Amino acid sequence: MSVLKKLSVWAIVATATALLVLSWASAALAEVDDGDGFDGDELLTLPLLLGVGVPAEGNRQHVDQGTTVPYRNRPPSSGDHYPTPAGYGVFTRDIPGGNLVHSLEHRAVVV
């Protein structure tokens, strides 16, 4: 088999594999309605690979700094929050959840 034919076979196999992986991933991330009342806010996820989806919380409004805002998750993922974001960087102190949620609003990543 010539080198060109070998490369063509590998290109076909690689393309087919990539298409299978992409179709599998898009199906796994499709929105589902499992009857739990969170219509469209959650994703079917692969917990070992992608984490666990959580529903949106609260009204997503600004509240006064220091106001107690109950969050179901730590770190919080959404909901009412403080008007000031936490900023960017690695912190060695505890940051209030309301500031973290505001940072998420500005596309920060919170771990």
C-alpha atoms as a PDB file:
ATOM      1  CA  MET A   1       0.000   0.000   0.000  1.00  0.00           C
ATOM      2  CA  SER A   2       1.405   3.389  -0.959  1.00  0.00           C
ATOM      3  CA  VAL A   3       2.113   6.110   1.564  1.00  0.00           C
ATOM      4  CA  LEU A   4      -0.701   8.249   0.124  1.00  0.00           C
ATOM      5  CA  LYS A   5      -3.239   5.439   0.519  1.00  0.00           C
ATOM      6  CA  LYS A   6      -2.079   4.796   4.106  1.00  0.00           C
ATOM      7  CA  LEU A   7      -2.498   8.496   4.931  1.00  0.00           C
ATOM      8  CA  SER A   8      -5.961   8.509   3.341  1.00  0.00           C
ATOM      9  CA  VAL A   9      -7.062   5.527   5.433  1.00  0.00           C
ATOM     10  CA  TRP A  10      -5.788   7.186   8.621  1.00  0.00           C
ATOM     11  CA  ALA A  11      -7.502  10.465   7.692  1.00  0.00           C
ATOM     12  CA  ILE A  12     -10.817   8.660   7.203  1.00  0.00           C
ATOM     13  CA  VAL A  13     -10.475   6.776  10.498  1.00  0.00           C
ATOM     14  CA  ALA A  14      -9.504   9.952  12.394  1.00  0.00           C
ATOM     15  CA  THR A  15     -12.388  11.928  10.870  1.00  0.00           C
ATOM     16  CA  ALA A  16     -14.914   9.190  11.647  1.00  0.00           C
ATOM     17  CA  THR A  17     -13.636   8.933  15.224  1.00  0.00           C
ATOM     18  CA  ALA A  18     -13.839  12.707  15.712  1.00  0.00           C
ATOM     19  CA  LEU A  19     -17.401  12.795  14.363  1.00  0.00           C
ATOM     20  CA  LEU A  20     -18.440   9.973  16.689  1.00  0.00           C
ATOM     21  CA  VAL A  21     -16.917  11.706  19.715  1.00  0.00           C
ATOM     22  CA  LEU A  22     -18.536  15.039  18.818  1.00  0.00           C
ATOM     23  CA  SER A  23     -21.961  13.477  18.277  1.00  0.00           C
ATOM     24  CA  TRP A  24     -21.670  11.582  21.571  1.00  0.00           C
ATOM     25  CA  ALA A  25     -20.657  14.750  23.434  1.00  0.00           C
ATOM     26  CA  SER A  26     -23.448  16.845  21.931  1.00  0.00           C
ATOM     27  CA  ALA A  27     -26.007  14.171  22.841  1.00  0.00           C
ATOM     28  CA  ALA A  28     -24.639  14.025  26.393  1.00  0.00           C
ATOM     29  CA  LEU A  29     -24.957  17.791  26.773  1.00  0.00           C
ATOM     30  CA  ALA A  30     -28.462  18.012  25.325  1.00  0.00           C
ATOM     31  CA  GLU A  31     -31.032  19.655  27.544  1.00  0.00           C
ATOM     32  CA  VAL A  32     -33.434  17.224  29.142  1.00  0.00           C
ATOM     33  CA  ASP A  33     -36.680  17.576  31.049  1.00  0.00           C
ATOM     34  CA  ASP A  34     -36.809  14.879  33.679  1.00  0.00           C
ATOM     35  CA  GLY A  35     -39.982  16.199  35.291  1.00  0.00           C
ATOM     36  CA  ASP A  36     -38.298  17.730  38.337  1.00  0.00           C
ATOM     37  CA  GLY A  37     -39.500  21.272  37.621  1.00  0.00           C
ATOM     38  CA  PHE A  38     -36.238  22.730  36.299  1.00  0.00           C
ATOM     39  CA  ASP A  39     -37.344  23.048  32.689  1.00  0.00           C
ATOM     40  CA  GLY A  40     -34.268  23.839  30.599  1.00  0.00           C
ATOM     41  CA  ASP A  41     -31.906  25.104  33.316  1.00  0.00           C
ATOM     42  CA  GLU A  42     -30.075  21.837  33.734  1.00  0.00           C
ATOM     43  CA  LEU A  43     -27.925  19.633  31.561  1.00  0.00           C
ATOM     44  CA  LEU A  44     -27.517  15.911  31.315  1.00  0.00           C
ATOM     45  CA  THR A  45     -23.882  15.615  32.342  1.00  0.00           C
ATOM     46  CA  LEU A  46     -21.326  12.904  32.624  1.00  0.00           C
ATOM     47  CA  PRO A  47     -20.381  13.256  36.317  1.00  0.00           C
ATOM     48  CA  LEU A  48     -16.973  11.617  36.039  1.00  0.00           C
ATOM     49  CA  LEU A  49     -15.922  13.754  33.090  1.00  0.00           C
ATOM     50  CA  LEU A  50     -17.844  17.016  33.233  1.00  0.00           C
ATOM     51  CA  GLY A  51     -19.129  17.499  36.777  1.00  0.00           C
ATOM     52  CA  VAL A  52     -22.700  17.756  37.927  1.00  0.00           C
ATOM     53  CA  GLY A  53     -25.160  20.344  36.613  1.00  0.00           C
ATOM     54  CA  VAL A  54     -26.987  22.460  39.197  1.00  0.00           C
ATOM     55  CA  PRO A  55     -30.213  24.454  38.724  1.00  0.00           C
ATOM     56  CA  ALA A  56     -30.188  28.246  38.776  1.00  0.00           C
ATOM     57  CA  GLU A  57     -30.882  29.787  42.200  1.00  0.00           C
ATOM     58  CA  GLY A  58     -32.726  32.936  43.220  1.00  0.00           C
ATOM     59  CA  ASN A  59     -33.697  36.001  41.237  1.00  0.00           C
ATOM     60  CA  ARG A  60     -30.165  36.968  40.222  1.00  0.00           C
ATOM     61  CA  GLN A  61     -30.535  40.503  41.616  1.00  0.00           C
ATOM     62  CA  HIS A  62     -28.051  42.716  43.446  1.00  0.00           C
ATOM     63  CA  VAL A  63     -28.531  42.856  47.223  1.00  0.00           C
ATOM     64  CA  ASP A  64     -26.680  44.982  49.774  1.00  0.00           C
ATOM     65  CA  GLN A  65     -23.152  43.832  50.672  1.00  0.00           C
ATOM     66  CA  GLY A  66     -23.343  41.711  53.827  1.00  0.00           C
ATOM     67  CA  THR A  67     -26.953  40.615  53.303  1.00  0.00           C
ATOM     68  CA  THR A  68     -27.366  36.920  54.121  1.00  0.00           C
ATOM     69  CA  VAL A  69     -28.077  35.077  50.889  1.00  0.00           C
ATOM     70  CA  PRO A  70     -28.723  31.332  51.233  1.00  0.00           C
ATOM     71  CA  TYR A  71     -27.005  29.236  48.555  1.00  0.00           C
ATOM     72  CA  ARG A  72     -27.527  25.502  48.070  1.00  0.00           C
ATOM     73  CA  ASN A  73     -24.028  24.959  46.690  1.00  0.00           C
ATOM     74  CA  ARG A  74     -20.528  25.901  47.784  1.00  0.00           C
ATOM     75  CA  PRO A  75     -19.137  27.601  45.866  1.00  0.00           C
ATOM     76  CA  PRO A  76     -22.458  29.136  44.771  1.00  0.00           C
ATOM     77  CA  SER A  77     -23.292  29.050  41.077  1.00  0.00           C
ATOM     78  CA  SER A  78     -26.027  31.686  40.686  1.00  0.00           C
ATOM     79  CA  GLY A  79     -28.688  33.703  42.445  1.00  0.00           C
ATOM     80  CA  ASP A  80     -28.951  37.014  44.248  1.00  0.00           C
ATOM     81  CA  HIS A  81     -25.526  38.521  44.822  1.00  0.00           C
ATOM     82  CA  TYR A  82     -23.564  41.548  46.004  1.00  0.00           C
ATOM     83  CA  PRO A  83     -22.933  44.535  43.699  1.00  0.00           C
ATOM     84  CA  THR A  84     -19.126  44.085  43.864  1.00  0.00           C
ATOM     85  CA  PRO A  85     -17.314  41.132  42.248  1.00  0.00           C
ATOM     86  CA  ALA A  86     -14.584  39.299  44.155  1.00  0.00           C
ATOM     87  CA  GLY A  87     -11.983  40.110  41.527  1.00  0.00           C
ATOM     88  CA  TYR A  88      -9.587  37.722  39.844  1.00  0.00           C
ATOM     89  CA  GLY A  89      -6.774  35.728  41.410  1.00  0.00           C
ATOM     90  CA  VAL A  90      -6.060  33.004  43.934  1.00  0.00           C
ATOM     91  CA  PHE A  91      -7.382  33.800  47.402  1.00  0.00           C
ATOM     92  CA  THR A  92      -6.170  32.346  50.702  1.00  0.00           C
ATOM     93  CA  ARG A  93      -9.113  33.799  52.632  1.00  0.00           C
ATOM     94  CA  ASP A  94     -12.816  32.992  52.465  1.00  0.00           C
ATOM     95  CA  ILE A  95     -14.665  35.128  49.911  1.00  0.00           C
ATOM     96  CA  PRO A  96     -18.388  35.819  50.507  1.00  0.00           C
ATOM     97  CA  GLY A  97     -20.645  33.884  48.162  1.00  0.00           C
ATOM     98  CA  GLY A  98     -22.383  37.045  46.986  1.00  0.00           C
ATOM     99  CA  ASN A  99     -19.085  38.407  45.635  1.00  0.00           C
ATOM    100  CA  LEU A 100     -18.245  35.065  43.991  1.00  0.00           C
ATOM    101  CA  VAL A 101     -21.588  34.957  42.168  1.00  0.00           C
ATOM    102  CA  HIS A 102     -21.021  38.489  40.870  1.00  0.00           C
ATOM    103  CA  SER A 103     -17.605  37.380  39.591  1.00  0.00           C
ATOM    104  CA  LEU A 104     -19.287  34.506  37.757  1.00  0.00           C
ATOM    105  CA  GLU A 105     -21.545  37.077  36.109  1.00  0.00           C
ATOM    106  CA  HIS A 106     -18.339  38.573  34.661  1.00  0.00           C
ATOM    107  CA  ARG A 107     -17.175  35.143  33.370  1.00  0.00           C
ATOM    108  CA  ALA A 108     -14.784  34.344  36.206  1.00  0.00           C
ATOM    109  CA  VAL A 109     -14.104  30.743  37.175  1.00  0.00           C
ATOM    110  CA  VAL A 110     -14.694  29.824  40.808  1.00  0.00           C
ATOM    111  CA  VAL A 111     -13.325  26.577  42.234  1.00  0.00           C
END
